[in-house]
Amino acid sequence: DYDNLTQFINDLINKPVRITLNHRE
């Protein structure tokens, strides 16, 4: 449970993820 989006965002910091990068015009 999160009281707000800010709490959620704070939990995201320094978490690892894998990004698939693409290109667009």
PDBML (XML) file of the C-alpha atoms, coordinates in Angstrom:
<?xml version="1.0" encoding="UTF-8" ?>
<PDBx:datablock datablockName="MODEL"
   xmlns:PDBx="http://pdbml.pdb.org/schema/pdbx-v50.xsd"
   xmlns:xsi="http://www.w3.org/2001/XMLSchema-instance"
   xsi:schemaLocation="http://pdbml.pdb.org/schema/pdbx-v50.xsd pdbx-v50.xsd">
   <PDBx:atom_siteCategory>
      <PDBx:atom_site id="1">
         <PDBx:B_iso_or_equiv>0.00</PDBx:B_iso_or_equiv>
         <PDBx:Cartn_x>0.000</PDBx:Cartn_x>
         <PDBx:Cartn_y>0.000</PDBx:Cartn_y>
         <PDBx:Cartn_z>0.000</PDBx:Cartn_z>
         <PDBx:auth_asym_id>A</PDBx:auth_asym_id>
         <PDBx:auth_atom_id>CA</PDBx:auth_atom_id>
         <PDBx:auth_comp_id>ASP</PDBx:auth_comp_id>
         <PDBx:auth_seq_id>1</PDBx:auth_seq_id>
         <PDBx:group_PDB>ATOM</PDBx:group_PDB>
         <PDBx:label_alt_id xsi:nil="true" />
         <PDBx:label_asym_id>A</PDBx:label_asym_id>
         <PDBx:label_atom_id>CA</PDBx:label_atom_id>
         <PDBx:label_comp_id>ASP</PDBx:label_comp_id>
         <PDBx:label_entity_id>1</PDBx:label_entity_id>
         <PDBx:label_seq_id>1</PDBx:label_seq_id>
         <PDBx:occupancy>1.00</PDBx:occupancy>
         <PDBx:pdbx_PDB_model_num>1</PDBx:pdbx_PDB_model_num>
         <PDBx:type_symbol>C</PDBx:type_symbol>
      </PDBx:atom_site>
      <PDBx:atom_site id="2">
         <PDBx:B_iso_or_equiv>0.00</PDBx:B_iso_or_equiv>
         <PDBx:Cartn_x>1.088</PDBx:Cartn_x>
         <PDBx:Cartn_y>3.547</PDBx:Cartn_y>
         <PDBx:Cartn_z>-0.809</PDBx:Cartn_z>
         <PDBx:auth_asym_id>A</PDBx:auth_asym_id>
         <PDBx:auth_atom_id>CA</PDBx:auth_atom_id>
         <PDBx:auth_comp_id>TYR</PDBx:auth_comp_id>
         <PDBx:auth_seq_id>2</PDBx:auth_seq_id>
         <PDBx:group_PDB>ATOM</PDBx:group_PDB>
         <PDBx:label_alt_id xsi:nil="true" />
         <PDBx:label_asym_id>A</PDBx:label_asym_id>
         <PDBx:label_atom_id>CA</PDBx:label_atom_id>
         <PDBx:label_comp_id>TYR</PDBx:label_comp_id>
         <PDBx:label_entity_id>1</PDBx:label_entity_id>
         <PDBx:label_seq_id>2</PDBx:label_seq_id>
         <PDBx:occupancy>1.00</PDBx:occupancy>
         <PDBx:pdbx_PDB_model_num>1</PDBx:pdbx_PDB_model_num>
         <PDBx:type_symbol>C</PDBx:type_symbol>
      </PDBx:atom_site>
      <PDBx:atom_site id="3">
         <PDBx:B_iso_or_equiv>0.00</PDBx:B_iso_or_equiv>
         <PDBx:Cartn_x>-0.472</PDBx:Cartn_x>
         <PDBx:Cartn_y>6.732</PDBx:Cartn_y>
         <PDBx:Cartn_z>0.505</PDBx:Cartn_z>
         <PDBx:auth_asym_id>A</PDBx:auth_asym_id>
         <PDBx:auth_atom_id>CA</PDBx:auth_atom_id>
         <PDBx:auth_comp_id>ASP</PDBx:auth_comp_id>
         <PDBx:auth_seq_id>3</PDBx:auth_seq_id>
         <PDBx:group_PDB>ATOM</PDBx:group_PDB>
         <PDBx:label_alt_id xsi:nil="true" />
         <PDBx:label_asym_id>A</PDBx:label_asym_id>
         <PDBx:label_atom_id>CA</PDBx:label_atom_id>
         <PDBx:label_comp_id>ASP</PDBx:label_comp_id>
         <PDBx:label_entity_id>1</PDBx:label_entity_id>
         <PDBx:label_seq_id>3</PDBx:label_seq_id>
         <PDBx:occupancy>1.00</PDBx:occupancy>
         <PDBx:pdbx_PDB_model_num>1</PDBx:pdbx_PDB_model_num>
         <PDBx:type_symbol>C</PDBx:type_symbol>
      </PDBx:atom_site>
      <PDBx:atom_site id="4">
         <PDBx:B_iso_or_equiv>0.00</PDBx:B_iso_or_equiv>
         <PDBx:Cartn_x>0.576</PDBx:Cartn_x>
         <PDBx:Cartn_y>8.654</PDBx:Cartn_y>
         <PDBx:Cartn_z>-2.594</PDBx:Cartn_z>
         <PDBx:auth_asym_id>A</PDBx:auth_asym_id>
         <PDBx:auth_atom_id>CA</PDBx:auth_atom_id>
         <PDBx:auth_comp_id>ASN</PDBx:auth_comp_id>
         <PDBx:auth_seq_id>4</PDBx:auth_seq_id>
         <PDBx:group_PDB>ATOM</PDBx:group_PDB>
         <PDBx:label_alt_id xsi:nil="true" />
         <PDBx:label_asym_id>A</PDBx:label_asym_id>
         <PDBx:label_atom_id>CA</PDBx:label_atom_id>
         <PDBx:label_comp_id>ASN</PDBx:label_comp_id>
         <PDBx:label_entity_id>1</PDBx:label_entity_id>
         <PDBx:label_seq_id>4</PDBx:label_seq_id>
         <PDBx:occupancy>1.00</PDBx:occupancy>
         <PDBx:pdbx_PDB_model_num>1</PDBx:pdbx_PDB_model_num>
         <PDBx:type_symbol>C</PDBx:type_symbol>
      </PDBx:atom_site>
      <PDBx:atom_site id="5">
         <PDBx:B_iso_or_equiv>0.00</PDBx:B_iso_or_equiv>
         <PDBx:Cartn_x>2.611</PDBx:Cartn_x>
         <PDBx:Cartn_y>8.535</PDBx:Cartn_y>
         <PDBx:Cartn_z>-5.783</PDBx:Cartn_z>
         <PDBx:auth_asym_id>A</PDBx:auth_asym_id>
         <PDBx:auth_atom_id>CA</PDBx:auth_atom_id>
         <PDBx:auth_comp_id>LEU</PDBx:auth_comp_id>
         <PDBx:auth_seq_id>5</PDBx:auth_seq_id>
         <PDBx:group_PDB>ATOM</PDBx:group_PDB>
         <PDBx:label_alt_id xsi:nil="true" />
         <PDBx:label_asym_id>A</PDBx:label_asym_id>
         <PDBx:label_atom_id>CA</PDBx:label_atom_id>
         <PDBx:label_comp_id>LEU</PDBx:label_comp_id>
         <PDBx:label_entity_id>1</PDBx:label_entity_id>
         <PDBx:label_seq_id>5</PDBx:label_seq_id>
         <PDBx:occupancy>1.00</PDBx:occupancy>
         <PDBx:pdbx_PDB_model_num>1</PDBx:pdbx_PDB_model_num>
         <PDBx:type_symbol>C</PDBx:type_symbol>
      </PDBx:atom_site>
      <PDBx:atom_site id="6">
         <PDBx:B_iso_or_equiv>0.00</PDBx:B_iso_or_equiv>
         <PDBx:Cartn_x>5.607</PDBx:Cartn_x>
         <PDBx:Cartn_y>10.188</PDBx:Cartn_y>
         <PDBx:Cartn_z>-4.086</PDBx:Cartn_z>
         <PDBx:auth_asym_id>A</PDBx:auth_asym_id>
         <PDBx:auth_atom_id>CA</PDBx:auth_atom_id>
         <PDBx:auth_comp_id>THR</PDBx:auth_comp_id>
         <PDBx:auth_seq_id>6</PDBx:auth_seq_id>
         <PDBx:group_PDB>ATOM</PDBx:group_PDB>
         <PDBx:label_alt_id xsi:nil="true" />
         <PDBx:label_asym_id>A</PDBx:label_asym_id>
         <PDBx:label_atom_id>CA</PDBx:label_atom_id>
         <PDBx:label_comp_id>THR</PDBx:label_comp_id>
         <PDBx:label_entity_id>1</PDBx:label_entity_id>
         <PDBx:label_seq_id>6</PDBx:label_seq_id>
         <PDBx:occupancy>1.00</PDBx:occupancy>
         <PDBx:pdbx_PDB_model_num>1</PDBx:pdbx_PDB_model_num>
         <PDBx:type_symbol>C</PDBx:type_symbol>
      </PDBx:atom_site>
      <PDBx:atom_site id="7">
         <PDBx:B_iso_or_equiv>0.00</PDBx:B_iso_or_equiv>
         <PDBx:Cartn_x>6.023</PDBx:Cartn_x>
         <PDBx:Cartn_y>7.200</PDBx:Cartn_y>
         <PDBx:Cartn_z>-1.738</PDBx:Cartn_z>
         <PDBx:auth_asym_id>A</PDBx:auth_asym_id>
         <PDBx:auth_atom_id>CA</PDBx:auth_atom_id>
         <PDBx:auth_comp_id>GLN</PDBx:auth_comp_id>
         <PDBx:auth_seq_id>7</PDBx:auth_seq_id>
         <PDBx:group_PDB>ATOM</PDBx:group_PDB>
         <PDBx:label_alt_id xsi:nil="true" />
         <PDBx:label_asym_id>A</PDBx:label_asym_id>
         <PDBx:label_atom_id>CA</PDBx:label_atom_id>
         <PDBx:label_comp_id>GLN</PDBx:label_comp_id>
         <PDBx:label_entity_id>1</PDBx:label_entity_id>
         <PDBx:label_seq_id>7</PDBx:label_seq_id>
         <PDBx:occupancy>1.00</PDBx:occupancy>
         <PDBx:pdbx_PDB_model_num>1</PDBx:pdbx_PDB_model_num>
         <PDBx:type_symbol>C</PDBx:type_symbol>
      </PDBx:atom_site>
      <PDBx:atom_site id="8">
         <PDBx:B_iso_or_equiv>0.00</PDBx:B_iso_or_equiv>
         <PDBx:Cartn_x>5.886</PDBx:Cartn_x>
         <PDBx:Cartn_y>4.850</PDBx:Cartn_y>
         <PDBx:Cartn_z>-4.712</PDBx:Cartn_z>
         <PDBx:auth_asym_id>A</PDBx:auth_asym_id>
         <PDBx:auth_atom_id>CA</PDBx:auth_atom_id>
         <PDBx:auth_comp_id>PHE</PDBx:auth_comp_id>
         <PDBx:auth_seq_id>8</PDBx:auth_seq_id>
         <PDBx:group_PDB>ATOM</PDBx:group_PDB>
         <PDBx:label_alt_id xsi:nil="true" />
         <PDBx:label_asym_id>A</PDBx:label_asym_id>
         <PDBx:label_atom_id>CA</PDBx:label_atom_id>
         <PDBx:label_comp_id>PHE</PDBx:label_comp_id>
         <PDBx:label_entity_id>1</PDBx:label_entity_id>
         <PDBx:label_seq_id>8</PDBx:label_seq_id>
         <PDBx:occupancy>1.00</PDBx:occupancy>
         <PDBx:pdbx_PDB_model_num>1</PDBx:pdbx_PDB_model_num>
         <PDBx:type_symbol>C</PDBx:type_symbol>
      </PDBx:atom_site>
      <PDBx:atom_site id="9">
         <PDBx:B_iso_or_equiv>0.00</PDBx:B_iso_or_equiv>
         <PDBx:Cartn_x>8.483</PDBx:Cartn_x>
         <PDBx:Cartn_y>6.908</PDBx:Cartn_y>
         <PDBx:Cartn_z>-6.599</PDBx:Cartn_z>
         <PDBx:auth_asym_id>A</PDBx:auth_asym_id>
         <PDBx:auth_atom_id>CA</PDBx:auth_atom_id>
         <PDBx:auth_comp_id>ILE</PDBx:auth_comp_id>
         <PDBx:auth_seq_id>9</PDBx:auth_seq_id>
         <PDBx:group_PDB>ATOM</PDBx:group_PDB>
         <PDBx:label_alt_id xsi:nil="true" />
         <PDBx:label_asym_id>A</PDBx:label_asym_id>
         <PDBx:label_atom_id>CA</PDBx:label_atom_id>
         <PDBx:label_comp_id>ILE</PDBx:label_comp_id>
         <PDBx:label_entity_id>1</PDBx:label_entity_id>
         <PDBx:label_seq_id>9</PDBx:label_seq_id>
         <PDBx:occupancy>1.00</PDBx:occupancy>
         <PDBx:pdbx_PDB_model_num>1</PDBx:pdbx_PDB_model_num>
         <PDBx:type_symbol>C</PDBx:type_symbol>
      </PDBx:atom_site>
      <PDBx:atom_site id="10">
         <PDBx:B_iso_or_equiv>0.00</PDBx:B_iso_or_equiv>
         <PDBx:Cartn_x>10.801</PDBx:Cartn_x>
         <PDBx:Cartn_y>6.922</PDBx:Cartn_y>
         <PDBx:Cartn_z>-3.581</PDBx:Cartn_z>
         <PDBx:auth_asym_id>A</PDBx:auth_asym_id>
         <PDBx:auth_atom_id>CA</PDBx:auth_atom_id>
         <PDBx:auth_comp_id>ASN</PDBx:auth_comp_id>
         <PDBx:auth_seq_id>10</PDBx:auth_seq_id>
         <PDBx:group_PDB>ATOM</PDBx:group_PDB>
         <PDBx:label_alt_id xsi:nil="true" />
         <PDBx:label_asym_id>A</PDBx:label_asym_id>
         <PDBx:label_atom_id>CA</PDBx:label_atom_id>
         <PDBx:label_comp_id>ASN</PDBx:label_comp_id>
         <PDBx:label_entity_id>1</PDBx:label_entity_id>
         <PDBx:label_seq_id>10</PDBx:label_seq_id>
         <PDBx:occupancy>1.00</PDBx:occupancy>
         <PDBx:pdbx_PDB_model_num>1</PDBx:pdbx_PDB_model_num>
         <PDBx:type_symbol>C</PDBx:type_symbol>
      </PDBx:atom_site>
      <PDBx:atom_site id="11">
         <PDBx:B_iso_or_equiv>0.00</PDBx:B_iso_or_equiv>
         <PDBx:Cartn_x>10.667</PDBx:Cartn_x>
         <PDBx:Cartn_y>3.107</PDBx:Cartn_y>
         <PDBx:Cartn_z>-3.560</PDBx:Cartn_z>
         <PDBx:auth_asym_id>A</PDBx:auth_asym_id>
         <PDBx:auth_atom_id>CA</PDBx:auth_atom_id>
         <PDBx:auth_comp_id>ASP</PDBx:auth_comp_id>
         <PDBx:auth_seq_id>11</PDBx:auth_seq_id>
         <PDBx:group_PDB>ATOM</PDBx:group_PDB>
         <PDBx:label_alt_id xsi:nil="true" />
         <PDBx:label_asym_id>A</PDBx:label_asym_id>
         <PDBx:label_atom_id>CA</PDBx:label_atom_id>
         <PDBx:label_comp_id>ASP</PDBx:label_comp_id>
         <PDBx:label_entity_id>1</PDBx:label_entity_id>
         <PDBx:label_seq_id>11</PDBx:label_seq_id>
         <PDBx:occupancy>1.00</PDBx:occupancy>
         <PDBx:pdbx_PDB_model_num>1</PDBx:pdbx_PDB_model_num>
         <PDBx:type_symbol>C</PDBx:type_symbol>
      </PDBx:atom_site>
      <PDBx:atom_site id="12">
         <PDBx:B_iso_or_equiv>0.00</PDBx:B_iso_or_equiv>
         <PDBx:Cartn_x>11.730</PDBx:Cartn_x>
         <PDBx:Cartn_y>3.026</PDBx:Cartn_y>
         <PDBx:Cartn_z>-7.230</PDBx:Cartn_z>
         <PDBx:auth_asym_id>A</PDBx:auth_asym_id>
         <PDBx:auth_atom_id>CA</PDBx:auth_atom_id>
         <PDBx:auth_comp_id>LEU</PDBx:auth_comp_id>
         <PDBx:auth_seq_id>12</PDBx:auth_seq_id>
         <PDBx:group_PDB>ATOM</PDBx:group_PDB>
         <PDBx:label_alt_id xsi:nil="true" />
         <PDBx:label_asym_id>A</PDBx:label_asym_id>
         <PDBx:label_atom_id>CA</PDBx:label_atom_id>
         <PDBx:label_comp_id>LEU</PDBx:label_comp_id>
         <PDBx:label_entity_id>1</PDBx:label_entity_id>
         <PDBx:label_seq_id>12</PDBx:label_seq_id>
         <PDBx:occupancy>1.00</PDBx:occupancy>
         <PDBx:pdbx_PDB_model_num>1</PDBx:pdbx_PDB_model_num>
         <PDBx:type_symbol>C</PDBx:type_symbol>
      </PDBx:atom_site>
      <PDBx:atom_site id="13">
         <PDBx:B_iso_or_equiv>0.00</PDBx:B_iso_or_equiv>
         <PDBx:Cartn_x>15.022</PDBx:Cartn_x>
         <PDBx:Cartn_y>4.875</PDBx:Cartn_y>
         <PDBx:Cartn_z>-6.742</PDBx:Cartn_z>
         <PDBx:auth_asym_id>A</PDBx:auth_asym_id>
         <PDBx:auth_atom_id>CA</PDBx:auth_atom_id>
         <PDBx:auth_comp_id>ILE</PDBx:auth_comp_id>
         <PDBx:auth_seq_id>13</PDBx:auth_seq_id>
         <PDBx:group_PDB>ATOM</PDBx:group_PDB>
         <PDBx:label_alt_id xsi:nil="true" />
         <PDBx:label_asym_id>A</PDBx:label_asym_id>
         <PDBx:label_atom_id>CA</PDBx:label_atom_id>
         <PDBx:label_comp_id>ILE</PDBx:label_comp_id>
         <PDBx:label_entity_id>1</PDBx:label_entity_id>
         <PDBx:label_seq_id>13</PDBx:label_seq_id>
         <PDBx:occupancy>1.00</PDBx:occupancy>
         <PDBx:pdbx_PDB_model_num>1</PDBx:pdbx_PDB_model_num>
         <PDBx:type_symbol>C</PDBx:type_symbol>
      </PDBx:atom_site>
      <PDBx:atom_site id="14">
         <PDBx:B_iso_or_equiv>0.00</PDBx:B_iso_or_equiv>
         <PDBx:Cartn_x>18.123</PDBx:Cartn_x>
         <PDBx:Cartn_y>2.655</PDBx:Cartn_y>
         <PDBx:Cartn_z>-7.247</PDBx:Cartn_z>
         <PDBx:auth_asym_id>A</PDBx:auth_asym_id>
         <PDBx:auth_atom_id>CA</PDBx:auth_atom_id>
         <PDBx:auth_comp_id>ASN</PDBx:auth_comp_id>
         <PDBx:auth_seq_id>14</PDBx:auth_seq_id>
         <PDBx:group_PDB>ATOM</PDBx:group_PDB>
         <PDBx:label_alt_id xsi:nil="true" />
         <PDBx:label_asym_id>A</PDBx:label_asym_id>
         <PDBx:label_atom_id>CA</PDBx:label_atom_id>
         <PDBx:label_comp_id>ASN</PDBx:label_comp_id>
         <PDBx:label_entity_id>1</PDBx:label_entity_id>
         <PDBx:label_seq_id>14</PDBx:label_seq_id>
         <PDBx:occupancy>1.00</PDBx:occupancy>
         <PDBx:pdbx_PDB_model_num>1</PDBx:pdbx_PDB_model_num>
         <PDBx:type_symbol>C</PDBx:type_symbol>
      </PDBx:atom_site>
      <PDBx:atom_site id="15">
         <PDBx:B_iso_or_equiv>0.00</PDBx:B_iso_or_equiv>
         <PDBx:Cartn_x>16.012</PDBx:Cartn_x>
         <PDBx:Cartn_y>-0.322</PDBx:Cartn_y>
         <PDBx:Cartn_z>-8.315</PDBx:Cartn_z>
         <PDBx:auth_asym_id>A</PDBx:auth_asym_id>
         <PDBx:auth_atom_id>CA</PDBx:auth_atom_id>
         <PDBx:auth_comp_id>LYS</PDBx:auth_comp_id>
         <PDBx:auth_seq_id>15</PDBx:auth_seq_id>
         <PDBx:group_PDB>ATOM</PDBx:group_PDB>
         <PDBx:label_alt_id xsi:nil="true" />
         <PDBx:label_asym_id>A</PDBx:label_asym_id>
         <PDBx:label_atom_id>CA</PDBx:label_atom_id>
         <PDBx:label_comp_id>LYS</PDBx:label_comp_id>
         <PDBx:label_entity_id>1</PDBx:label_entity_id>
         <PDBx:label_seq_id>15</PDBx:label_seq_id>
         <PDBx:occupancy>1.00</PDBx:occupancy>
         <PDBx:pdbx_PDB_model_num>1</PDBx:pdbx_PDB_model_num>
         <PDBx:type_symbol>C</PDBx:type_symbol>
      </PDBx:atom_site>
      <PDBx:atom_site id="16">
         <PDBx:B_iso_or_equiv>0.00</PDBx:B_iso_or_equiv>
         <PDBx:Cartn_x>17.437</PDBx:Cartn_x>
         <PDBx:Cartn_y>-2.286</PDBx:Cartn_y>
         <PDBx:Cartn_z>-11.251</PDBx:Cartn_z>
         <PDBx:auth_asym_id>A</PDBx:auth_asym_id>
         <PDBx:auth_atom_id>CA</PDBx:auth_atom_id>
         <PDBx:auth_comp_id>PRO</PDBx:auth_comp_id>
         <PDBx:auth_seq_id>16</PDBx:auth_seq_id>
         <PDBx:group_PDB>ATOM</PDBx:group_PDB>
         <PDBx:label_alt_id xsi:nil="true" />
         <PDBx:label_asym_id>A</PDBx:label_asym_id>
         <PDBx:label_atom_id>CA</PDBx:label_atom_id>
         <PDBx:label_comp_id>PRO</PDBx:label_comp_id>
         <PDBx:label_entity_id>1</PDBx:label_entity_id>
         <PDBx:label_seq_id>16</PDBx:label_seq_id>
         <PDBx:occupancy>1.00</PDBx:occupancy>
         <PDBx:pdbx_PDB_model_num>1</PDBx:pdbx_PDB_model_num>
         <PDBx:type_symbol>C</PDBx:type_symbol>
      </PDBx:atom_site>
      <PDBx:atom_site id="17">
         <PDBx:B_iso_or_equiv>0.00</PDBx:B_iso_or_equiv>
         <PDBx:Cartn_x>15.513</PDBx:Cartn_x>
         <PDBx:Cartn_y>-2.694</PDBx:Cartn_y>
         <PDBx:Cartn_z>-14.506</PDBx:Cartn_z>
         <PDBx:auth_asym_id>A</PDBx:auth_asym_id>
         <PDBx:auth_atom_id>CA</PDBx:auth_atom_id>
         <PDBx:auth_comp_id>VAL</PDBx:auth_comp_id>
         <PDBx:auth_seq_id>17</PDBx:auth_seq_id>
         <PDBx:group_PDB>ATOM</PDBx:group_PDB>
         <PDBx:label_alt_id xsi:nil="true" />
         <PDBx:label_asym_id>A</PDBx:label_asym_id>
         <PDBx:label_atom_id>CA</PDBx:label_atom_id>
         <PDBx:label_comp_id>VAL</PDBx:label_comp_id>
         <PDBx:label_entity_id>1</PDBx:label_entity_id>
         <PDBx:label_seq_id>17</PDBx:label_seq_id>
         <PDBx:occupancy>1.00</PDBx:occupancy>
         <PDBx:pdbx_PDB_model_num>1</PDBx:pdbx_PDB_model_num>
         <PDBx:type_symbol>C</PDBx:type_symbol>
      </PDBx:atom_site>
      <PDBx:atom_site id="18">
         <PDBx:B_iso_or_equiv>0.00</PDBx:B_iso_or_equiv>
         <PDBx:Cartn_x>16.258</PDBx:Cartn_x>
         <PDBx:Cartn_y>-3.765</PDBx:Cartn_y>
         <PDBx:Cartn_z>-18.074</PDBx:Cartn_z>
         <PDBx:auth_asym_id>A</PDBx:auth_asym_id>
         <PDBx:auth_atom_id>CA</PDBx:auth_atom_id>
         <PDBx:auth_comp_id>ARG</PDBx:auth_comp_id>
         <PDBx:auth_seq_id>18</PDBx:auth_seq_id>
         <PDBx:group_PDB>ATOM</PDBx:group_PDB>
         <PDBx:label_alt_id xsi:nil="true" />
         <PDBx:label_asym_id>A</PDBx:label_asym_id>
         <PDBx:label_atom_id>CA</PDBx:label_atom_id>
         <PDBx:label_comp_id>ARG</PDBx:label_comp_id>
         <PDBx:label_entity_id>1</PDBx:label_entity_id>
         <PDBx:label_seq_id>18</PDBx:label_seq_id>
         <PDBx:occupancy>1.00</PDBx:occupancy>
         <PDBx:pdbx_PDB_model_num>1</PDBx:pdbx_PDB_model_num>
         <PDBx:type_symbol>C</PDBx:type_symbol>
      </PDBx:atom_site>
      <PDBx:atom_site id="19">
         <PDBx:B_iso_or_equiv>0.00</PDBx:B_iso_or_equiv>
         <PDBx:Cartn_x>15.421</PDBx:Cartn_x>
         <PDBx:Cartn_y>-1.158</PDBx:Cartn_y>
         <PDBx:Cartn_z>-20.693</PDBx:Cartn_z>
         <PDBx:auth_asym_id>A</PDBx:auth_asym_id>
         <PDBx:auth_atom_id>CA</PDBx:auth_atom_id>
         <PDBx:auth_comp_id>ILE</PDBx:auth_comp_id>
         <PDBx:auth_seq_id>19</PDBx:auth_seq_id>
         <PDBx:group_PDB>ATOM</PDBx:group_PDB>
         <PDBx:label_alt_id xsi:nil="true" />
         <PDBx:label_asym_id>A</PDBx:label_asym_id>
         <PDBx:label_atom_id>CA</PDBx:label_atom_id>
         <PDBx:label_comp_id>ILE</PDBx:label_comp_id>
         <PDBx:label_entity_id>1</PDBx:label_entity_id>
         <PDBx:label_seq_id>19</PDBx:label_seq_id>
         <PDBx:occupancy>1.00</PDBx:occupancy>
         <PDBx:pdbx_PDB_model_num>1</PDBx:pdbx_PDB_model_num>
         <PDBx:type_symbol>C</PDBx:type_symbol>
      </PDBx:atom_site>
      <PDBx:atom_site id="20">
         <PDBx:B_iso_or_equiv>0.00</PDBx:B_iso_or_equiv>
         <PDBx:Cartn_x>14.770</PDBx:Cartn_x>
         <PDBx:Cartn_y>-2.066</PDBx:Cartn_y>
         <PDBx:Cartn_z>-24.314</PDBx:Cartn_z>
         <PDBx:auth_asym_id>A</PDBx:auth_asym_id>
         <PDBx:auth_atom_id>CA</PDBx:auth_atom_id>
         <PDBx:auth_comp_id>THR</PDBx:auth_comp_id>
         <PDBx:auth_seq_id>20</PDBx:auth_seq_id>
         <PDBx:group_PDB>ATOM</PDBx:group_PDB>
         <PDBx:label_alt_id xsi:nil="true" />
         <PDBx:label_asym_id>A</PDBx:label_asym_id>
         <PDBx:label_atom_id>CA</PDBx:label_atom_id>
         <PDBx:label_comp_id>THR</PDBx:label_comp_id>
         <PDBx:label_entity_id>1</PDBx:label_entity_id>
         <PDBx:label_seq_id>20</PDBx:label_seq_id>
         <PDBx:occupancy>1.00</PDBx:occupancy>
         <PDBx:pdbx_PDB_model_num>1</PDBx:pdbx_PDB_model_num>
         <PDBx:type_symbol>C</PDBx:type_symbol>
      </PDBx:atom_site>
      <PDBx:atom_site id="21">
         <PDBx:B_iso_or_equiv>0.00</PDBx:B_iso_or_equiv>
         <PDBx:Cartn_x>15.725</PDBx:Cartn_x>
         <PDBx:Cartn_y>0.969</PDBx:Cartn_y>
         <PDBx:Cartn_z>-26.331</PDBx:Cartn_z>
         <PDBx:auth_asym_id>A</PDBx:auth_asym_id>
         <PDBx:auth_atom_id>CA</PDBx:auth_atom_id>
         <PDBx:auth_comp_id>LEU</PDBx:auth_comp_id>
         <PDBx:auth_seq_id>21</PDBx:auth_seq_id>
         <PDBx:group_PDB>ATOM</PDBx:group_PDB>
         <PDBx:label_alt_id xsi:nil="true" />
         <PDBx:label_asym_id>A</PDBx:label_asym_id>
         <PDBx:label_atom_id>CA</PDBx:label_atom_id>
         <PDBx:label_comp_id>LEU</PDBx:label_comp_id>
         <PDBx:label_entity_id>1</PDBx:label_entity_id>
         <PDBx:label_seq_id>21</PDBx:label_seq_id>
         <PDBx:occupancy>1.00</PDBx:occupancy>
         <PDBx:pdbx_PDB_model_num>1</PDBx:pdbx_PDB_model_num>
         <PDBx:type_symbol>C</PDBx:type_symbol>
      </PDBx:atom_site>
      <PDBx:atom_site id="22">
         <PDBx:B_iso_or_equiv>0.00</PDBx:B_iso_or_equiv>
         <PDBx:Cartn_x>14.313</PDBx:Cartn_x>
         <PDBx:Cartn_y>1.720</PDBx:Cartn_y>
         <PDBx:Cartn_z>-29.765</PDBx:Cartn_z>
         <PDBx:auth_asym_id>A</PDBx:auth_asym_id>
         <PDBx:auth_atom_id>CA</PDBx:auth_atom_id>
         <PDBx:auth_comp_id>ASN</PDBx:auth_comp_id>
         <PDBx:auth_seq_id>22</PDBx:auth_seq_id>
         <PDBx:group_PDB>ATOM</PDBx:group_PDB>
         <PDBx:label_alt_id xsi:nil="true" />
         <PDBx:label_asym_id>A</PDBx:label_asym_id>
         <PDBx:label_atom_id>CA</PDBx:label_atom_id>
         <PDBx:label_comp_id>ASN</PDBx:label_comp_id>
         <PDBx:label_entity_id>1</PDBx:label_entity_id>
         <PDBx:label_seq_id>22</PDBx:label_seq_id>
         <PDBx:occupancy>1.00</PDBx:occupancy>
         <PDBx:pdbx_PDB_model_num>1</PDBx:pdbx_PDB_model_num>
         <PDBx:type_symbol>C</PDBx:type_symbol>
      </PDBx:atom_site>
      <PDBx:atom_site id="23">
         <PDBx:B_iso_or_equiv>0.00</PDBx:B_iso_or_equiv>
         <PDBx:Cartn_x>14.604</PDBx:Cartn_x>
         <PDBx:Cartn_y>4.668</PDBx:Cartn_y>
         <PDBx:Cartn_z>-32.153</PDBx:Cartn_z>
         <PDBx:auth_asym_id>A</PDBx:auth_asym_id>
         <PDBx:auth_atom_id>CA</PDBx:auth_atom_id>
         <PDBx:auth_comp_id>HIS</PDBx:auth_comp_id>
         <PDBx:auth_seq_id>23</PDBx:auth_seq_id>
         <PDBx:group_PDB>ATOM</PDBx:group_PDB>
         <PDBx:label_alt_id xsi:nil="true" />
         <PDBx:label_asym_id>A</PDBx:label_asym_id>
         <PDBx:label_atom_id>CA</PDBx:label_atom_id>
         <PDBx:label_comp_id>HIS</PDBx:label_comp_id>
         <PDBx:label_entity_id>1</PDBx:label_entity_id>
         <PDBx:label_seq_id>23</PDBx:label_seq_id>
         <PDBx:occupancy>1.00</PDBx:occupancy>
         <PDBx:pdbx_PDB_model_num>1</PDBx:pdbx_PDB_model_num>
         <PDBx:type_symbol>C</PDBx:type_symbol>
      </PDBx:atom_site>
      <PDBx:atom_site id="24">
         <PDBx:B_iso_or_equiv>0.00</PDBx:B_iso_or_equiv>
         <PDBx:Cartn_x>11.904</PDBx:Cartn_x>
         <PDBx:Cartn_y>6.928</PDBx:Cartn_y>
         <PDBx:Cartn_z>-33.536</PDBx:Cartn_z>
         <PDBx:auth_asym_id>A</PDBx:auth_asym_id>
         <PDBx:auth_atom_id>CA</PDBx:auth_atom_id>
         <PDBx:auth_comp_id>ARG</PDBx:auth_comp_id>
         <PDBx:auth_seq_id>24</PDBx:auth_seq_id>
         <PDBx:group_PDB>ATOM</PDBx:group_PDB>
         <PDBx:label_alt_id xsi:nil="true" />
         <PDBx:label_asym_id>A</PDBx:label_asym_id>
         <PDBx:label_atom_id>CA</PDBx:label_atom_id>
         <PDBx:label_comp_id>ARG</PDBx:label_comp_id>
         <PDBx:label_entity_id>1</PDBx:label_entity_id>
         <PDBx:label_seq_id>24</PDBx:label_seq_id>
         <PDBx:occupancy>1.00</PDBx:occupancy>
         <PDBx:pdbx_PDB_model_num>1</PDBx:pdbx_PDB_model_num>
         <PDBx:type_symbol>C</PDBx:type_symbol>
      </PDBx:atom_site>
      <PDBx:atom_site id="25">
         <PDBx:B_iso_or_equiv>0.00</PDBx:B_iso_or_equiv>
         <PDBx:Cartn_x>11.784</PDBx:Cartn_x>
         <PDBx:Cartn_y>9.807</PDBx:Cartn_y>
         <PDBx:Cartn_z>-35.978</PDBx:Cartn_z>
         <PDBx:auth_asym_id>A</PDBx:auth_asym_id>
         <PDBx:auth_atom_id>CA</PDBx:auth_atom_id>
         <PDBx:auth_comp_id>GLU</PDBx:auth_comp_id>
         <PDBx:auth_seq_id>25</PDBx:auth_seq_id>
         <PDBx:group_PDB>ATOM</PDBx:group_PDB>
         <PDBx:label_alt_id xsi:nil="true" />
         <PDBx:label_asym_id>A</PDBx:label_asym_id>
         <PDBx:label_atom_id>CA</PDBx:label_atom_id>
         <PDBx:label_comp_id>GLU</PDBx:label_comp_id>
         <PDBx:label_entity_id>1</PDBx:label_entity_id>
         <PDBx:label_seq_id>25</PDBx:label_seq_id>
         <PDBx:occupancy>1.00</PDBx:occupancy>
         <PDBx:pdbx_PDB_model_num>1</PDBx:pdbx_PDB_model_num>
         <PDBx:type_symbol>C</PDBx:type_symbol>
      </PDBx:atom_site>
   </PDBx:atom_siteCategory>
</PDBx:datablock>
